[in-house]
Amino acid sequence: MTPKPLAVLGATGYTGRLVVDRARELGFPLRLVGRRRDALEEMAVSGDEIRVADARDERALREAFDGAFAVASLAGPFLATGDLPVAAAIDRGAHYLDTSGEQAFARRVYDTYGGPAEAGNVVVLTSFGFDYVPGDFAARLAADGLEPLDEVLVAYSVSSVAASSGTRKTIGHVMRQPQVTWEGGRLVESRFGASMRTMRFPFGDRAVVEWSGTEPLTVPRHTQTQRVRSYVRAPRAAARTARIARLAAPLVGLTGRVGDGPSPQRRARTKFTVVAEAHGPNGSRRVTLTGQDPYGLTALLIAHGAHALRNGEVRNAGTLAPAEAFEPRSFIARVVPLIEIQAVEEL
C-alpha cells in the first residue's frame, strides 16, 4: 500500500519550508497545501502532492486533508484562522499538529476539540513548537515524583533574537488576546506582566515577567499542582509597557512568508534557556533545558511529532499536552542538539 502523506498547510511560508525540509529528511511522503498553486509547484519535488486550499474554506480543507495520516498547520494567526483546519483534520481522521504560539487558541482547542478527536481516535497537538513544548516538558521533568505540588514555574530566556515578519505580525494579535493562568487548581484571568519574580538561570538570577505561555493550560493536564505560571526574561520596567511585545517576539507565532525570515546562520546565533521549577511538600526541583535556533527546533518538533504519530508512539488519543502525548526525555533526545537537558537539580 502507498504510505499516507503528511499534509503541510502553509507549506510555502517561512516555517512551512523548514517543516517540509525536516519531513523530507525523515522520509515522509508529502502533500503541500496552500492558497497559491504556483508557489506550491515551485517548491514541490518529485512525488509531492499539491492541494490548493485556504484556511478559511472548510470544504477545501477537508478535500486537501483527505487520505493524509496527519496535518501540520502553520497558517496563523491561529485564533483568527485556526479552527477550520483542526476540525477538517479530525473530520478526515487525520492527526493534527500546529505551531501556534497563541494561548487563547490553545485554550479553544483543548475546550472544543478533545471529544471529537478522541471519538475519531486521532491526536491533536497544538502549540507543538518552540512555543511551548520545552516549557511543558521541563515542567513534567521537574514535577516527576514530587506531586502533589504547590506550584510549577516556567521561564524562557532568549538571546540574539531573530524573528520573521510573520512572527512580528502575530505579536500584535497575541497582545490583544485574553490570557489566563492556573491558580488554586483552576484557570483564572491574567495579563502580560501580571506577576514578576526572579528565576535562576545558568548565567545567574534574572527578573522575569508573566506572559501568555501555554503552560498554565498544559501542565495541569498531566501534573497535580495548585499553581502554574509562565514567564519570559525581561526587565521589570517592561512588564507594563509595549516593550514586552518586542521582547516576546522570538517566542510567539513562528510563522511567516517565504524569504522574510532569518538566515540559517542568523538562526543559529539565537540561543535559549528554559527553566522549570516544581515546589511542594515532597520537595523541590529545577530542570534546565538549553538550545538554539527556535525556528529550526520548531520544524524538528513538528516533523518528529508527526513521525511518532505515524508510528503509533503516542500515549493516548484526543487533544493532548506535549508531556501527555510523549515521554519528555526520549522525545528531547530526538531533537538534540537544538535542545537538550542541561541540568536537573534537587532544591
C-alpha atoms as a PDB file:
ATOM      1  CA  MET A   1       0.000   0.000   0.000  1.00  0.00           C
ATOM      2  CA  THR A   2       1.147   3.546  -0.720  1.00  0.00           C
ATOM      3  CA  PRO A   3       2.001   5.282   2.583  1.00  0.00           C
ATOM      4  CA  LYS A   4      -0.346   8.082   3.570  1.00  0.00           C
ATOM      5  CA  PRO A   5       1.191  11.552   3.270  1.00  0.00           C
ATOM      6  CA  LEU A   6       1.775  14.271   5.811  1.00  0.00           C
ATOM      7  CA  ALA A   7      -0.259  17.316   4.752  1.00  0.00           C
ATOM      8  CA  VAL A   8       1.524  20.614   5.443  1.00  0.00           C
ATOM      9  CA  LEU A   9      -0.838  23.600   5.481  1.00  0.00           C
ATOM     10  CA  GLY A  10       1.097  26.802   4.888  1.00  0.00           C
ATOM     11  CA  ALA A  11       3.934  24.871   3.264  1.00  0.00           C
ATOM     12  CA  THR A  12       5.283  27.874   1.344  1.00  0.00           C
ATOM     13  CA  GLY A  13       5.696  30.076   4.426  1.00  0.00           C
ATOM     14  CA  TYR A  14       8.982  30.609   6.211  1.00  0.00           C
ATOM     15  CA  THR A  15       8.487  27.955   8.896  1.00  0.00           C
ATOM     16  CA  GLY A  16       6.481  25.799   6.477  1.00  0.00           C
ATOM     17  CA  ARG A  17       9.522  25.351   4.288  1.00  0.00           C
ATOM     18  CA  LEU A  18      11.601  24.358   7.288  1.00  0.00           C
ATOM     19  CA  VAL A  19       8.992  21.773   8.281  1.00  0.00           C
ATOM     20  CA  VAL A  20       8.899  20.396   4.732  1.00  0.00           C
ATOM     21  CA  ASP A  21      12.694  20.045   4.683  1.00  0.00           C
ATOM     22  CA  ARG A  22      12.778  18.182   8.016  1.00  0.00           C
ATOM     23  CA  ALA A  23       9.871  15.950   6.976  1.00  0.00           C
ATOM     24  CA  ARG A  24      11.670  15.007   3.768  1.00  0.00           C
ATOM     25  CA  GLU A  25      14.736  14.047   5.806  1.00  0.00           C
ATOM     26  CA  LEU A  26      12.533  11.642   7.779  1.00  0.00           C
ATOM     27  CA  GLY A  27      11.234  10.089   4.587  1.00  0.00           C
ATOM     28  CA  PHE A  28       7.633  11.317   4.662  1.00  0.00           C
ATOM     29  CA  PRO A  29       5.523  11.399   1.532  1.00  0.00           C
ATOM     30  CA  LEU A  30       4.275  14.985   1.494  1.00  0.00           C
ATOM     31  CA  ARG A  31       1.148  16.842   0.466  1.00  0.00           C
ATOM     32  CA  LEU A  32       1.818  20.558   0.144  1.00  0.00           C
ATOM     33  CA  VAL A  33      -1.252  22.672   0.924  1.00  0.00           C
ATOM     34  CA  GLY A  34      -1.646  26.408   0.427  1.00  0.00           C
ATOM     35  CA  ARG A  35      -3.544  29.165  -1.351  1.00  0.00           C
ATOM     36  CA  ARG A  36      -1.268  29.598  -4.404  1.00  0.00           C
ATOM     37  CA  ARG A  37      -0.715  26.695  -6.776  1.00  0.00           C
ATOM     38  CA  ASP A  38       2.227  28.390  -8.479  1.00  0.00           C
ATOM     39  CA  ALA A  39       4.101  28.765  -5.180  1.00  0.00           C
ATOM     40  CA  LEU A  40       3.356  25.159  -4.227  1.00  0.00           C
ATOM     41  CA  GLU A  41       4.538  23.871  -7.607  1.00  0.00           C
ATOM     42  CA  GLU A  42       7.717  25.911  -7.331  1.00  0.00           C
ATOM     43  CA  MET A  43       8.776  24.190  -4.103  1.00  0.00           C
ATOM     44  CA  ALA A  44       7.458  20.692  -4.864  1.00  0.00           C
ATOM     45  CA  VAL A  45       9.819  17.839  -5.713  1.00  0.00           C
ATOM     46  CA  SER A  46       9.079  14.561  -7.466  1.00  0.00           C
ATOM     47  CA  GLY A  47       6.496  12.581  -5.525  1.00  0.00           C
ATOM     48  CA  ASP A  48       4.983  15.532  -3.650  1.00  0.00           C
ATOM     49  CA  GLU A  49       1.241  16.018  -3.873  1.00  0.00           C
ATOM     50  CA  ILE A  50      -0.247  19.514  -4.182  1.00  0.00           C
ATOM     51  CA  ARG A  51      -3.600  20.755  -2.915  1.00  0.00           C
ATOM     52  CA  VAL A  52      -4.927  24.305  -3.105  1.00  0.00           C
ATOM     53  CA  ALA A  53      -6.931  25.338  -0.033  1.00  0.00           C
ATOM     54  CA  ASP A  54      -7.477  28.384   2.136  1.00  0.00           C
ATOM     55  CA  ALA A  55      -7.533  28.069   5.921  1.00  0.00           C
ATOM     56  CA  ARG A  56     -10.973  29.733   5.881  1.00  0.00           C
ATOM     57  CA  ASP A  57     -12.531  27.206   3.471  1.00  0.00           C
ATOM     58  CA  GLU A  58     -13.554  24.074   5.382  1.00  0.00           C
ATOM     59  CA  ARG A  59     -14.725  22.170   2.323  1.00  0.00           C
ATOM     60  CA  ALA A  60     -11.438  22.752   0.523  1.00  0.00           C
ATOM     61  CA  LEU A  61      -9.528  21.805   3.663  1.00  0.00           C
ATOM     62  CA  ARG A  62     -11.407  18.524   4.015  1.00  0.00           C
ATOM     63  CA  GLU A  63     -10.601  17.668   0.410  1.00  0.00           C
ATOM     64  CA  ALA A  64      -6.966  18.663   0.903  1.00  0.00           C
ATOM     65  CA  PHE A  65      -6.593  16.568   4.060  1.00  0.00           C
ATOM     66  CA  ASP A  66      -8.480  13.504   2.835  1.00  0.00           C
ATOM     67  CA  GLY A  67      -6.205  10.461   2.937  1.00  0.00           C
ATOM     68  CA  ALA A  68      -3.431  12.163   4.933  1.00  0.00           C
ATOM     69  CA  PHE A  69      -2.275  10.455   8.117  1.00  0.00           C
ATOM     70  CA  ALA A  70      -1.582  13.835   9.771  1.00  0.00           C
ATOM     71  CA  VAL A  71      -1.852  17.569   9.176  1.00  0.00           C
ATOM     72  CA  ALA A  72       0.805  20.083  10.189  1.00  0.00           C
ATOM     73  CA  SER A  73      -0.755  23.550  10.246  1.00  0.00           C
ATOM     74  CA  LEU A  74       1.395  26.665  10.036  1.00  0.00           C
ATOM     75  CA  ALA A  75      -1.381  29.005   8.917  1.00  0.00           C
ATOM     76  CA  GLY A  76      -1.711  31.740  11.538  1.00  0.00           C
ATOM     77  CA  PRO A  77      -2.717  33.919  13.241  1.00  0.00           C
ATOM     78  CA  PHE A  78      -4.441  30.896  14.691  1.00  0.00           C
ATOM     79  CA  LEU A  79      -7.154  32.490  16.797  1.00  0.00           C
ATOM     80  CA  ALA A  80      -8.474  34.076  13.599  1.00  0.00           C
ATOM     81  CA  THR A  81      -7.909  31.230  11.117  1.00  0.00           C
ATOM     82  CA  GLY A  82      -7.003  28.105  13.070  1.00  0.00           C
ATOM     83  CA  ASP A  83     -10.315  26.403  13.873  1.00  0.00           C
ATOM     84  CA  LEU A  84     -11.304  25.073  10.466  1.00  0.00           C
ATOM     85  CA  PRO A  85      -8.020  23.221   9.872  1.00  0.00           C
ATOM     86  CA  VAL A  86      -8.391  21.439  13.227  1.00  0.00           C
ATOM     87  CA  ALA A  87     -11.992  20.494  12.510  1.00  0.00           C
ATOM     88  CA  ALA A  88     -11.185  19.381   8.957  1.00  0.00           C
ATOM     89  CA  ALA A  89      -8.290  17.190  10.091  1.00  0.00           C
ATOM     90  CA  ILE A  90     -10.438  15.461  12.707  1.00  0.00           C
ATOM     91  CA  ASP A  91     -13.254  15.037  10.178  1.00  0.00           C
ATOM     92  CA  ARG A  92     -10.844  13.291   7.781  1.00  0.00           C
ATOM     93  CA  GLY A  93      -9.432  11.045  10.526  1.00  0.00           C
ATOM     94  CA  ALA A  94      -6.009  12.703  10.453  1.00  0.00           C
ATOM     95  CA  HIS A  95      -3.791  13.602  13.396  1.00  0.00           C
ATOM     96  CA  TYR A  96      -3.107  17.313  13.785  1.00  0.00           C
ATOM     97  CA  LEU A  97      -0.126  19.436  14.886  1.00  0.00           C
ATOM     98  CA  ASP A  98       0.390  23.191  14.734  1.00  0.00           C
ATOM     99  CA  THR A  99       2.959  25.872  15.522  1.00  0.00           C
ATOM    100  CA  SER A 100       0.600  28.293  17.249  1.00  0.00           C
ATOM    101  CA  GLY A 101       2.115  30.429  19.977  1.00  0.00           C
ATOM    102  CA  GLU A 102      -1.297  31.825  20.924  1.00  0.00           C
ATOM    103  CA  GLN A 103      -2.510  30.787  24.373  1.00  0.00           C
ATOM    104  CA  ALA A 104      -6.091  31.807  23.597  1.00  0.00           C
ATOM    105  CA  PHE A 105      -6.173  29.497  20.579  1.00  0.00           C
ATOM    106  CA  ALA A 106      -4.665  26.611  22.540  1.00  0.00           C
ATOM    107  CA  ARG A 107      -7.373  27.038  25.160  1.00  0.00           C
ATOM    108  CA  ARG A 108     -10.049  26.909  22.464  1.00  0.00           C
ATOM    109  CA  VAL A 109      -8.521  23.718  21.046  1.00  0.00           C
ATOM    110  CA  TYR A 110      -8.471  21.981  24.441  1.00  0.00           C
ATOM    111  CA  ASP A 111     -12.009  23.142  25.267  1.00  0.00           C
ATOM    112  CA  THR A 112     -13.577  22.369  21.892  1.00  0.00           C
ATOM    113  CA  TYR A 113     -11.854  19.510  20.112  1.00  0.00           C
ATOM    114  CA  GLY A 114     -10.962  16.963  22.776  1.00  0.00           C
ATOM    115  CA  GLY A 115     -14.186  14.974  22.469  1.00  0.00           C
ATOM    116  CA  PRO A 116     -14.274  14.852  18.658  1.00  0.00           C
ATOM    117  CA  ALA A 117     -10.582  13.951  18.449  1.00  0.00           C
ATOM    118  CA  GLU A 118     -10.917  11.153  20.986  1.00  0.00           C
ATOM    119  CA  ALA A 119     -14.038   9.829  19.266  1.00  0.00           C
ATOM    120  CA  GLY A 120     -12.139   9.826  15.974  1.00  0.00           C
ATOM    121  CA  ASN A 121      -9.110   8.127  17.593  1.00  0.00           C
ATOM    122  CA  VAL A 122      -6.801  10.928  16.458  1.00  0.00           C
ATOM    123  CA  VAL A 123      -4.350  13.139  18.320  1.00  0.00           C
ATOM    124  CA  VAL A 124      -4.415  16.937  18.311  1.00  0.00           C
ATOM    125  CA  LEU A 125      -1.182  18.682  19.360  1.00  0.00           C
ATOM    126  CA  THR A 126      -1.476  22.455  19.421  1.00  0.00           C
ATOM    127  CA  SER A 127       1.431  24.828  20.170  1.00  0.00           C
ATOM    128  CA  PHE A 128       3.806  21.991  19.307  1.00  0.00           C
ATOM    129  CA  GLY A 129       6.863  24.086  18.541  1.00  0.00           C
ATOM    130  CA  PHE A 130       9.387  26.114  20.460  1.00  0.00           C
ATOM    131  CA  ASP A 131       6.277  27.698  21.871  1.00  0.00           C
ATOM    132  CA  TYR A 132       5.695  25.801  24.071  1.00  0.00           C
ATOM    133  CA  VAL A 133       6.979  22.218  24.050  1.00  0.00           C
ATOM    134  CA  PRO A 134      10.204  22.944  26.004  1.00  0.00           C
ATOM    135  CA  GLY A 135       8.330  24.511  28.930  1.00  0.00           C
ATOM    136  CA  ASP A 136       5.802  21.697  29.180  1.00  0.00           C
ATOM    137  CA  PHE A 137       8.496  19.001  29.008  1.00  0.00           C
ATOM    138  CA  ALA A 138      10.697  20.801  31.550  1.00  0.00           C
ATOM    139  CA  ALA A 139       7.751  21.192  33.920  1.00  0.00           C
ATOM    140  CA  ARG A 140       6.922  17.486  33.736  1.00  0.00           C
ATOM    141  CA  LEU A 141      10.539  16.520  34.423  1.00  0.00           C
ATOM    142  CA  ALA A 142      10.693  18.922  37.377  1.00  0.00           C
ATOM    143  CA  ALA A 143       7.473  17.527  38.864  1.00  0.00           C
ATOM    144  CA  ASP A 144       8.284  13.845  38.471  1.00  0.00           C
ATOM    145  CA  GLY A 145       7.878  12.046  41.803  1.00  0.00           C
ATOM    146  CA  LEU A 146       7.082  15.201  43.800  1.00  0.00           C
ATOM    147  CA  GLU A 147       3.304  15.511  43.402  1.00  0.00           C
ATOM    148  CA  PRO A 148       1.075  16.930  44.719  1.00  0.00           C
ATOM    149  CA  LEU A 149       2.729  20.317  44.202  1.00  0.00           C
ATOM    150  CA  ASP A 150       2.107  23.833  45.386  1.00  0.00           C
ATOM    151  CA  GLU A 151       3.415  25.424  42.208  1.00  0.00           C
ATOM    152  CA  VAL A 152       5.202  24.930  38.898  1.00  0.00           C
ATOM    153  CA  LEU A 153       7.098  27.868  37.402  1.00  0.00           C
ATOM    154  CA  VAL A 154       8.441  28.013  33.844  1.00  0.00           C
ATOM    155  CA  ALA A 155      10.686  30.770  32.494  1.00  0.00           C
ATOM    156  CA  TYR A 156      12.095  31.393  28.997  1.00  0.00           C
ATOM    157  CA  SER A 157      15.200  33.378  28.087  1.00  0.00           C
ATOM    158  CA  VAL A 158      16.330  34.081  24.520  1.00  0.00           C
ATOM    159  CA  SER A 159      19.432  35.906  23.315  1.00  0.00           C
ATOM    160  CA  SER A 160      20.447  37.187  19.863  1.00  0.00           C
ATOM    161  CA  VAL A 161      16.819  37.363  18.775  1.00  0.00           C
ATOM    162  CA  ALA A 162      15.944  36.617  15.152  1.00  0.00           C
ATOM    163  CA  ALA A 163      12.273  36.878  14.137  1.00  0.00           C
ATOM    164  CA  SER A 164      10.378  36.724  10.856  1.00  0.00           C
ATOM    165  CA  SER A 165       7.870  39.369   9.806  1.00  0.00           C
ATOM    166  CA  GLY A 166       5.121  36.817  10.359  1.00  0.00           C
ATOM    167  CA  THR A 167       6.212  36.441  13.967  1.00  0.00           C
ATOM    168  CA  ARG A 168       6.221  40.181  14.490  1.00  0.00           C
ATOM    169  CA  LYS A 169       2.764  40.448  12.967  1.00  0.00           C
ATOM    170  CA  THR A 170       1.427  37.709  15.232  1.00  0.00           C
ATOM    171  CA  ILE A 171       2.674  39.548  18.324  1.00  0.00           C
ATOM    172  CA  GLY A 172       0.142  42.293  17.719  1.00  0.00           C
ATOM    173  CA  HIS A 173      -2.665  39.745  17.714  1.00  0.00           C
ATOM    174  CA  VAL A 174      -1.402  37.949  20.818  1.00  0.00           C
ATOM    175  CA  MET A 175      -1.102  41.159  22.824  1.00  0.00           C
ATOM    176  CA  ARG A 176      -4.826  41.778  22.326  1.00  0.00           C
ATOM    177  CA  GLN A 177      -5.957  38.251  23.176  1.00  0.00           C
ATOM    178  CA  PRO A 178      -7.345  37.170  26.566  1.00  0.00           C
ATOM    179  CA  GLN A 179      -4.865  35.466  28.872  1.00  0.00           C
ATOM    180  CA  VAL A 180      -5.267  33.025  31.744  1.00  0.00           C
ATOM    181  CA  THR A 181      -3.110  31.396  34.379  1.00  0.00           C
ATOM    182  CA  TRP A 182      -3.557  28.432  36.745  1.00  0.00           C
ATOM    183  CA  GLU A 183      -4.245  29.387  40.365  1.00  0.00           C
ATOM    184  CA  GLY A 184      -5.889  27.417  43.162  1.00  0.00           C
ATOM    185  CA  GLY A 185      -6.410  24.437  40.877  1.00  0.00           C
ATOM    186  CA  ARG A 186      -8.344  26.360  38.211  1.00  0.00           C
ATOM    187  CA  LEU A 187      -7.887  28.799  35.346  1.00  0.00           C
ATOM    188  CA  VAL A 188      -8.186  32.482  36.232  1.00  0.00           C
ATOM    189  CA  GLU A 189      -7.898  35.620  34.122  1.00  0.00           C
ATOM    190  CA  SER A 190      -4.468  37.189  33.840  1.00  0.00           C
ATOM    191  CA  ARG A 191      -2.444  39.544  31.609  1.00  0.00           C
ATOM    192  CA  PHE A 192       1.081  40.282  30.422  1.00  0.00           C
ATOM    193  CA  GLY A 193       3.175  41.326  33.405  1.00  0.00           C
ATOM    194  CA  ALA A 194       0.535  40.302  35.964  1.00  0.00           C
ATOM    195  CA  SER A 195       3.265  38.862  38.167  1.00  0.00           C
ATOM    196  CA  MET A 196       7.029  39.248  38.340  1.00  0.00           C
ATOM    197  CA  ARG A 197       9.740  37.322  40.130  1.00  0.00           C
ATOM    198  CA  THR A 198      13.373  36.298  39.971  1.00  0.00           C
ATOM    199  CA  MET A 199      14.372  32.961  38.431  1.00  0.00           C
ATOM    200  CA  ARG A 200      17.779  31.293  38.446  1.00  0.00           C
ATOM    201  CA  PHE A 201      19.284  30.636  35.016  1.00  0.00           C
ATOM    202  CA  PRO A 202      22.724  29.092  34.335  1.00  0.00           C
ATOM    203  CA  PHE A 203      24.046  32.639  33.831  1.00  0.00           C
ATOM    204  CA  GLY A 204      22.612  33.947  37.117  1.00  0.00           C
ATOM    205  CA  ASP A 205      19.428  35.248  38.716  1.00  0.00           C
ATOM    206  CA  ARG A 206      17.265  37.278  36.348  1.00  0.00           C
ATOM    207  CA  ALA A 207      13.964  39.149  36.527  1.00  0.00           C
ATOM    208  CA  VAL A 208      11.100  37.503  34.658  1.00  0.00           C
ATOM    209  CA  VAL A 209       7.580  38.714  33.896  1.00  0.00           C
ATOM    210  CA  GLU A 210       4.418  36.696  33.402  1.00  0.00           C
ATOM    211  CA  TRP A 211       3.309  36.216  29.812  1.00  0.00           C
ATOM    212  CA  SER A 212       0.961  34.130  27.687  1.00  0.00           C
ATOM    213  CA  GLY A 213       2.756  30.793  27.603  1.00  0.00           C
ATOM    214  CA  THR A 214       0.510  27.749  27.343  1.00  0.00           C
ATOM    215  CA  GLU A 215       1.964  26.002  30.404  1.00  0.00           C
ATOM    216  CA  PRO A 216      -0.991  27.089  32.624  1.00  0.00           C
ATOM    217  CA  LEU A 217      -3.163  25.121  30.181  1.00  0.00           C
ATOM    218  CA  THR A 218      -0.925  22.125  29.557  1.00  0.00           C
ATOM    219  CA  VAL A 219       0.863  21.367  32.825  1.00  0.00           C
ATOM    220  CA  PRO A 220      -2.299  20.748  34.898  1.00  0.00           C
ATOM    221  CA  ARG A 221      -3.330  18.145  32.315  1.00  0.00           C
ATOM    222  CA  HIS A 222      -0.519  15.845  33.464  1.00  0.00           C
ATOM    223  CA  THR A 223       0.698  17.256  36.795  1.00  0.00           C
ATOM    224  CA  GLN A 224      -1.133  17.726  40.102  1.00  0.00           C
ATOM    225  CA  THR A 225      -0.384  21.296  41.154  1.00  0.00           C
ATOM    226  CA  GLN A 226      -2.218  24.281  42.601  1.00  0.00           C
ATOM    227  CA  ARG A 227      -0.391  26.959  40.612  1.00  0.00           C
ATOM    228  CA  VAL A 228       1.313  27.262  37.221  1.00  0.00           C
ATOM    229  CA  ARG A 229       2.986  30.421  35.963  1.00  0.00           C
ATOM    230  CA  SER A 230       4.770  31.025  32.643  1.00  0.00           C
ATOM    231  CA  TYR A 231       7.395  33.782  32.418  1.00  0.00           C
ATOM    232  CA  VAL A 232       9.782  35.407  29.992  1.00  0.00           C
ATOM    233  CA  ARG A 233      13.047  37.082  30.975  1.00  0.00           C
ATOM    234  CA  ALA A 234      12.624  40.828  30.712  1.00  0.00           C
ATOM    235  CA  PRO A 235      13.373  43.960  32.732  1.00  0.00           C
ATOM    236  CA  ARG A 236      10.675  44.585  35.327  1.00  0.00           C
ATOM    237  CA  ALA A 237      10.071  48.011  33.781  1.00  0.00           C
ATOM    238  CA  ALA A 238       8.954  46.289  30.558  1.00  0.00           C
ATOM    239  CA  ALA A 239       6.090  44.431  32.196  1.00  0.00           C
ATOM    240  CA  ARG A 240       3.575  47.249  31.810  1.00  0.00           C
ATOM    241  CA  THR A 241       4.788  48.697  28.526  1.00  0.00           C
ATOM    242  CA  ALA A 242       4.768  47.808  24.858  1.00  0.00           C
ATOM    243  CA  ARG A 243       8.392  46.686  25.187  1.00  0.00           C
ATOM    244  CA  ILE A 244       7.175  43.265  26.302  1.00  0.00           C
ATOM    245  CA  ALA A 245       5.882  42.694  22.753  1.00  0.00           C
ATOM    246  CA  ARG A 246       9.342  43.191  21.293  1.00  0.00           C
ATOM    247  CA  LEU A 247      10.921  41.015  23.964  1.00  0.00           C
ATOM    248  CA  ALA A 248       8.394  38.256  23.343  1.00  0.00           C
ATOM    249  CA  ALA A 249       8.744  38.392  19.566  1.00  0.00           C
ATOM    250  CA  PRO A 250      11.021  35.351  19.092  1.00  0.00           C
ATOM    251  CA  LEU A 251       8.734  33.173  21.176  1.00  0.00           C
ATOM    252  CA  VAL A 252       5.236  33.653  19.784  1.00  0.00           C
ATOM    253  CA  GLY A 253       3.730  32.539  16.483  1.00  0.00           C
ATOM    254  CA  LEU A 254       6.626  31.183  14.467  1.00  0.00           C
ATOM    255  CA  THR A 255       5.031  31.848  11.079  1.00  0.00           C
ATOM    256  CA  GLY A 256       5.999  33.978   8.135  1.00  0.00           C
ATOM    257  CA  ARG A 257       6.083  34.463   4.387  1.00  0.00           C
ATOM    258  CA  VAL A 258       8.780  32.873   2.292  1.00  0.00           C
ATOM    259  CA  GLY A 259      12.022  34.813   2.227  1.00  0.00           C
ATOM    260  CA  ASP A 260      11.220  37.117   5.123  1.00  0.00           C
ATOM    261  CA  GLY A 261      12.828  35.168   7.941  1.00  0.00           C
ATOM    262  CA  PRO A 262      16.353  34.977   9.354  1.00  0.00           C
ATOM    263  CA  SER A 263      19.107  33.119   7.514  1.00  0.00           C
ATOM    264  CA  PRO A 264      20.347  29.755   8.839  1.00  0.00           C
ATOM    265  CA  GLN A 265      23.448  31.493  10.150  1.00  0.00           C
ATOM    266  CA  ARG A 266      21.384  34.124  11.942  1.00  0.00           C
ATOM    267  CA  ARG A 267      19.047  31.498  13.388  1.00  0.00           C
ATOM    268  CA  ALA A 268      21.995  29.511  14.750  1.00  0.00           C
ATOM    269  CA  ARG A 269      23.097  32.528  16.799  1.00  0.00           C
ATOM    270  CA  THR A 270      19.783  32.611  18.681  1.00  0.00           C
ATOM    271  CA  LYS A 271      20.305  30.777  21.982  1.00  0.00           C
ATOM    272  CA  PHE A 272      17.652  29.959  24.543  1.00  0.00           C
ATOM    273  CA  THR A 273      17.253  28.613  28.045  1.00  0.00           C
ATOM    274  CA  VAL A 274      14.065  27.230  29.566  1.00  0.00           C
ATOM    275  CA  VAL A 275      13.931  26.708  33.331  1.00  0.00           C
ATOM    276  CA  ALA A 276      11.145  24.916  35.203  1.00  0.00           C
ATOM    277  CA  GLU A 277      10.829  24.703  38.980  1.00  0.00           C
ATOM    278  CA  ALA A 278       8.446  22.462  40.906  1.00  0.00           C
ATOM    279  CA  HIS A 279       7.784  23.175  44.594  1.00  0.00           C
ATOM    280  CA  GLY A 280       5.695  21.208  47.071  1.00  0.00           C
ATOM    281  CA  PRO A 281       5.631  19.433  50.430  1.00  0.00           C
ATOM    282  CA  ASN A 282       7.558  16.489  48.978  1.00  0.00           C
ATOM    283  CA  GLY A 283      10.460  18.615  47.790  1.00  0.00           C
ATOM    284  CA  SER A 284      11.564  20.972  45.034  1.00  0.00           C
ATOM    285  CA  ARG A 285      13.398  20.512  41.759  1.00  0.00           C
ATOM    286  CA  ARG A 286      14.765  22.716  38.981  1.00  0.00           C
ATOM    287  CA  VAL A 287      15.184  21.465  35.393  1.00  0.00           C
ATOM    288  CA  THR A 288      17.131  23.480  32.826  1.00  0.00           C
ATOM    289  CA  LEU A 289      16.888  22.981  29.064  1.00  0.00           C
ATOM    290  CA  THR A 290      19.193  24.807  26.668  1.00  0.00           C
ATOM    291  CA  GLY A 291      19.346  25.054  22.906  1.00  0.00           C
ATOM    292  CA  GLN A 292      19.492  27.194  19.816  1.00  0.00           C
ATOM    293  CA  ASP A 293      17.530  28.170  16.708  1.00  0.00           C
ATOM    294  CA  PRO A 294      13.861  28.299  17.809  1.00  0.00           C
ATOM    295  CA  TYR A 295      12.680  28.157  14.185  1.00  0.00           C
ATOM    296  CA  GLY A 296      14.764  25.099  13.393  1.00  0.00           C
ATOM    297  CA  LEU A 297      13.671  23.466  16.639  1.00  0.00           C
ATOM    298  CA  THR A 298      10.014  24.113  15.815  1.00  0.00           C
ATOM    299  CA  ALA A 299      10.411  22.390  12.458  1.00  0.00           C
ATOM    300  CA  LEU A 300      12.136  19.402  14.087  1.00  0.00           C
ATOM    301  CA  LEU A 301       9.469  19.104  16.763  1.00  0.00           C
ATOM    302  CA  ILE A 302       6.678  19.096  14.176  1.00  0.00           C
ATOM    303  CA  ALA A 303       8.475  16.561  11.972  1.00  0.00           C
ATOM    304  CA  HIS A 304       9.381  14.213  14.828  1.00  0.00           C
ATOM    305  CA  GLY A 305       5.942  14.624  16.370  1.00  0.00           C
ATOM    306  CA  ALA A 306       4.393  13.538  13.084  1.00  0.00           C
ATOM    307  CA  HIS A 307       6.883  10.669  12.856  1.00  0.00           C
ATOM    308  CA  ALA A 308       5.913   9.448  16.327  1.00  0.00           C
ATOM    309  CA  LEU A 309       2.208   9.744  15.491  1.00  0.00           C
ATOM    310  CA  ARG A 310       2.686   7.744  12.290  1.00  0.00           C
ATOM    311  CA  ASN A 311       4.478   5.023  14.246  1.00  0.00           C
ATOM    312  CA  GLY A 312       1.801   4.823  16.948  1.00  0.00           C
ATOM    313  CA  GLU A 313       4.095   6.040  19.734  1.00  0.00           C
ATOM    314  CA  VAL A 314       1.597   8.456  21.274  1.00  0.00           C
ATOM    315  CA  ARG A 315       0.173   7.584  24.690  1.00  0.00           C
ATOM    316  CA  ASN A 316      -3.493   8.347  24.028  1.00  0.00           C
ATOM    317  CA  ALA A 317      -5.992   9.987  21.669  1.00  0.00           C
ATOM    318  CA  GLY A 318      -7.648  13.408  21.928  1.00  0.00           C
ATOM    319  CA  THR A 319      -6.246  16.906  22.478  1.00  0.00           C
ATOM    320  CA  LEU A 320      -3.015  16.309  24.355  1.00  0.00           C
ATOM    321  CA  ALA A 321      -0.340  18.409  26.007  1.00  0.00           C
ATOM    322  CA  PRO A 322       3.187  17.540  24.845  1.00  0.00           C
ATOM    323  CA  ALA A 323       4.013  15.596  28.033  1.00  0.00           C
ATOM    324  CA  GLU A 324       0.653  13.810  27.855  1.00  0.00           C
ATOM    325  CA  ALA A 325       1.492  12.572  24.384  1.00  0.00           C
ATOM    326  CA  PHE A 326       5.177  11.710  24.763  1.00  0.00           C
ATOM    327  CA  GLU A 327       7.754  10.882  27.426  1.00  0.00           C
ATOM    328  CA  PRO A 328       9.865  14.065  27.650  1.00  0.00           C
ATOM    329  CA  ARG A 329      13.367  12.603  27.932  1.00  0.00           C
ATOM    330  CA  SER A 330      13.025  10.255  24.982  1.00  0.00           C
ATOM    331  CA  PHE A 331      11.421  12.905  22.787  1.00  0.00           C
ATOM    332  CA  ILE A 332      14.036  15.535  23.631  1.00  0.00           C
ATOM    333  CA  ALA A 333      16.725  13.034  22.633  1.00  0.00           C
ATOM    334  CA  ARG A 334      15.327  13.062  19.090  1.00  0.00           C
ATOM    335  CA  VAL A 335      15.953  16.762  18.585  1.00  0.00           C
ATOM    336  CA  VAL A 336      19.416  17.153  20.156  1.00  0.00           C
ATOM    337  CA  PRO A 337      21.443  19.382  19.691  1.00  0.00           C
ATOM    338  CA  LEU A 338      18.796  22.048  19.082  1.00  0.00           C
ATOM    339  CA  ILE A 339      17.581  21.361  22.612  1.00  0.00           C
ATOM    340  CA  GLU A 340      18.975  19.259  25.453  1.00  0.00           C
ATOM    341  CA  ILE A 341      18.650  18.763  29.190  1.00  0.00           C
ATOM    342  CA  GLN A 342      21.443  20.761  30.775  1.00  0.00           C
ATOM    343  CA  ALA A 343      20.700  20.154  34.453  1.00  0.00           C
ATOM    344  CA  VAL A 344      18.300  18.519  36.915  1.00  0.00           C
ATOM    345  CA  GLU A 345      18.776  19.910  40.420  1.00  0.00           C
ATOM    346  CA  GLU A 346      17.113  18.991  43.697  1.00  0.00           C
ATOM    347  CA  LEU A 347      16.482  22.187  45.662  1.00  0.00           C
END
